[in-house]
C-alpha atoms as a PDB file:
ATOM      1  CA  MET A   1     -39.757   9.160 -24.365  1.00  0.00           C
ATOM      2  CA  ARG A   2     -38.293  12.646 -24.346  1.00  0.00           C
ATOM      3  CA  HIS A   3     -38.691  12.848 -20.555  1.00  0.00           C
ATOM      4  CA  ILE A   4     -36.854   9.559 -20.083  1.00  0.00           C
ATOM      5  CA  THR A   5     -33.999  10.820 -22.258  1.00  0.00           C
ATOM      6  CA  LEU A   6     -33.749  14.034 -20.223  1.00  0.00           C
ATOM      7  CA  ILE A   7     -33.824  12.126 -16.947  1.00  0.00           C
ATOM      8  CA  LEU A   8     -31.068   9.793 -18.131  1.00  0.00           C
ATOM      9  CA  PHE A   9     -29.036  12.775 -19.359  1.00  0.00           C
ATOM     10  CA  PHE A  10     -29.234  14.549 -15.993  1.00  0.00           C
ATOM     11  CA  PHE A  11     -28.527  11.315 -14.141  1.00  0.00           C
ATOM     12  CA  GLY A  12     -25.406  10.920 -16.282  1.00  0.00           C
ATOM     13  CA  LEU A  13     -24.271  14.420 -15.356  1.00  0.00           C
ATOM     14  CA  CYS A  14     -24.706  13.640 -11.672  1.00  0.00           C
ATOM     15  CA  THR A  15     -22.571  10.508 -11.859  1.00  0.00           C
ATOM     16  CA  VAL A  16     -19.596  12.165 -13.561  1.00  0.00           C
ATOM     17  CA  GLY A  17     -16.834  12.162 -10.960  1.00  0.00           C
ATOM     18  CA  TYR A  18     -13.408  13.607 -10.616  1.00  0.00           C
ATOM     19  CA  THR A  19     -10.198  12.389  -9.061  1.00  0.00           C
ATOM     20  CA  GLN A  20      -9.509  13.598  -5.562  1.00  0.00           C
ATOM     21  CA  SER A  21      -7.518  12.648  -2.498  1.00  0.00           C
ATOM     22  CA  VAL A  22      -9.069  11.278   0.665  1.00  0.00           C
ATOM     23  CA  GLY A  23      -7.754  12.529   3.986  1.00  0.00           C
ATOM     24  CA  ILE A  24      -8.190  10.948   7.400  1.00  0.00           C
ATOM     25  CA  GLY A  25      -7.091  13.209  10.228  1.00  0.00           C
ATOM     26  CA  THR A  26      -6.406  16.072   7.835  1.00  0.00           C
ATOM     27  CA  THR A  27      -8.557  18.611   6.012  1.00  0.00           C
ATOM     28  CA  ASN A  28      -5.944  19.144   3.269  1.00  0.00           C
ATOM     29  CA  PRO A  29      -4.819  15.771   1.896  1.00  0.00           C
ATOM     30  CA  ASP A  30      -1.780  15.812  -0.366  1.00  0.00           C
ATOM     31  CA  SER A  31      -2.901  15.892  -3.997  1.00  0.00           C
ATOM     32  CA  SER A  32      -0.312  13.281  -5.006  1.00  0.00           C
ATOM     33  CA  ALA A  33      -1.809  10.704  -2.618  1.00  0.00           C
ATOM     34  CA  ILE A  34      -5.043   8.780  -3.012  1.00  0.00           C
ATOM     35  CA  LEU A  35      -5.144   8.364   0.790  1.00  0.00           C
ATOM     36  CA  ASP A  36      -3.443  10.733   3.232  1.00  0.00           C
ATOM     37  CA  LEU A  37      -3.414   9.633   6.878  1.00  0.00           C
ATOM     38  CA  SER A  38      -2.399  12.093   9.577  1.00  0.00           C
ATOM     39  CA  SER A  39      -2.171  11.620  13.347  1.00  0.00           C
ATOM     40  CA  ASN A  40       0.013  12.638  16.256  1.00  0.00           C
ATOM     41  CA  ALA A  41      -1.118   9.757  18.460  1.00  0.00           C
ATOM     42  CA  GLN A  42      -1.850   6.779  16.198  1.00  0.00           C
ATOM     43  CA  GLY A  43      -0.126   4.822  13.461  1.00  0.00           C
ATOM     44  CA  PHE A  44      -1.122   2.988  10.302  1.00  0.00           C
ATOM     45  CA  LEU A  45      -1.936  -0.688  10.844  1.00  0.00           C
ATOM     46  CA  MET A  46      -1.592  -2.746   7.683  1.00  0.00           C
ATOM     47  CA  PRO A  47      -3.338  -6.082   7.159  1.00  0.00           C
ATOM     48  CA  ARG A  48      -1.750  -8.902   9.181  1.00  0.00           C
ATOM     49  CA  MET A  49      -1.807 -12.525   8.036  1.00  0.00           C
ATOM     50  CA  THR A  50       0.151 -15.757   7.878  1.00  0.00           C
ATOM     51  CA  THR A  51       2.094 -16.927   4.830  1.00  0.00           C
ATOM     52  CA  ALA A  52      -0.687 -19.405   4.000  1.00  0.00           C
ATOM     53  CA  GLN A  53      -3.306 -16.651   4.119  1.00  0.00           C
ATOM     54  CA  ARG A  54      -1.086 -14.386   1.995  1.00  0.00           C
ATOM     55  CA  ASP A  55      -0.601 -17.122  -0.586  1.00  0.00           C
ATOM     56  CA  ALA A  56      -4.380 -17.585  -0.815  1.00  0.00           C
ATOM     57  CA  ILE A  57      -4.834 -14.038  -2.174  1.00  0.00           C
ATOM     58  CA  VAL A  58      -6.109 -14.374  -5.735  1.00  0.00           C
ATOM     59  CA  ASP A  59      -4.187 -12.332  -8.324  1.00  0.00           C
ATOM     60  CA  PRO A  60      -2.435  -9.860  -5.972  1.00  0.00           C
ATOM     61  CA  ALA A  61      -1.645  -6.444  -7.452  1.00  0.00           C
ATOM     62  CA  ASP A  62       1.925  -5.145  -7.732  1.00  0.00           C
ATOM     63  CA  GLY A  63       2.668  -3.133  -4.603  1.00  0.00           C
ATOM     64  CA  LEU A  64       0.264  -5.053  -2.355  1.00  0.00           C
ATOM     65  CA  GLN A  65       1.671  -5.130   1.193  1.00  0.00           C
ATOM     66  CA  ILE A  66       0.939  -7.208   4.288  1.00  0.00           C
ATOM     67  CA  LEU A  67       2.577  -7.864   7.647  1.00  0.00           C
ATOM     68  CA  ASN A  68       3.510 -11.540   7.644  1.00  0.00           C
ATOM     69  CA  LEU A  69       2.804 -12.933  11.124  1.00  0.00           C
ATOM     70  CA  ASP A  70       4.975 -16.018  10.559  1.00  0.00           C
ATOM     71  CA  ASP A  71       8.260 -14.113  10.253  1.00  0.00           C
ATOM     72  CA  LYS A  72       7.248 -10.603  11.387  1.00  0.00           C
ATOM     73  CA  CYS A  73       8.210  -9.065   8.031  1.00  0.00           C
ATOM     74  CA  ILE A  74       6.452  -6.757   5.639  1.00  0.00           C
ATOM     75  CA  ASP A  75       5.804  -8.687   2.426  1.00  0.00           C
ATOM     76  CA  ILE A  76       5.404  -6.712  -0.809  1.00  0.00           C
ATOM     77  CA  PHE A  77       4.150  -8.254  -4.051  1.00  0.00           C
ATOM     78  CA  ILE A  78       6.345  -7.076  -6.953  1.00  0.00           C
ATOM     79  CA  ASP A  79       6.790  -8.619 -10.412  1.00  0.00           C
ATOM     80  CA  GLN A  80       4.703 -11.715  -9.602  1.00  0.00           C
ATOM     81  CA  VAL A  81       6.753 -12.510  -6.466  1.00  0.00           C
ATOM     82  CA  TRP A  82       6.240 -11.836  -2.752  1.00  0.00           C
ATOM     83  CA  ARG A  83       9.387 -10.040  -1.529  1.00  0.00           C
ATOM     84  CA  LYS A  84      10.439  -9.601   2.095  1.00  0.00           C
ATOM     85  CA  ASN A  85      11.301  -6.214   3.534  1.00  0.00           C
ATOM     86  CA  CYS A  86      12.780  -7.057   6.914  1.00  0.00           C
ATOM     87  CA  LYS A  87      16.199  -5.932   8.017  1.00  0.00           C
ATOM     88  CA  HIS A  88      16.113  -8.064  11.166  1.00  0.00           C
ATOM     89  CA  MET A  89      16.303 -11.282   9.118  1.00  0.00           C
ATOM     90  CA  LEU A  90      19.784 -10.366   7.846  1.00  0.00           C
ATOM     91  CA  ASP A  91      22.929 -10.260   9.955  1.00  0.00           C
ATOM     92  CA  THR A  92      23.508  -7.049  11.898  1.00  0.00           C
ATOM     93  CA  ASP A  93      26.335  -5.800   9.668  1.00  0.00           C
ATOM     94  CA  THR A  94      24.626  -6.057   6.292  1.00  0.00           C
ATOM     95  CA  TYR A  95      21.528  -4.442   4.863  1.00  0.00           C
ATOM     96  CA  LEU A  96      20.292  -5.446   1.411  1.00  0.00           C
ATOM     97  CA  ASN A  97      18.000  -3.007  -0.302  1.00  0.00           C
ATOM     98  CA  TYR A  98      16.037  -5.184  -2.742  1.00  0.00           C
ATOM     99  CA  PHE A  99      13.771  -2.467  -4.034  1.00  0.00           C
ATOM    100  CA  LYS A 100      16.450  -0.152  -5.436  1.00  0.00           C
ATOM    101  CA  LYS A 101      18.416  -3.135  -6.722  1.00  0.00           C
ATOM    102  CA  GLU A 102      21.533  -2.121  -4.866  1.00  0.00           C
ATOM    103  CA  VAL A 103      23.544  -3.545  -2.022  1.00  0.00           C
ATOM    104  CA  ARG A 104      24.731  -1.438   0.897  1.00  0.00           C
ATOM    105  CA  PHE A 105      27.161  -2.633   3.518  1.00  0.00           C
ATOM    106  CA  CYS A 106      26.839  -0.903   6.867  1.00  0.00           C
ATOM    107  CA  ARG A 107      28.691  -1.462  10.117  1.00  0.00           C
ATOM    108  CA  ASP A 108      27.250  -0.841  13.532  1.00  0.00           C
ATOM    109  CA  GLY A 109      29.840   1.187  15.419  1.00  0.00           C
ATOM    110  CA  PRO A 110      33.468   1.966  14.440  1.00  0.00           C
END
């Protein structure tokens, strides 16, 4: 019985983990990021799906993001609602920043 207790104790020590960042394309990931991607020739490709597929996600977490193929917008789930982040869906003179809860009016040109 004593040997089993010692084995379980050492197994417990081996499974104790610590928080660290994961880096892809970098040997020194930023400590404030859980995932740090770095590349000079490639970009990040987020999950792409239709609105119906997006709506089928069970209990989405706040901050979950997808590229909506139906309207070519990035959809972000915040406060139990899917919100659109797509400037091209607004007229060319106005940009609404939903995430800072402010409205900015910009004009293209003079």
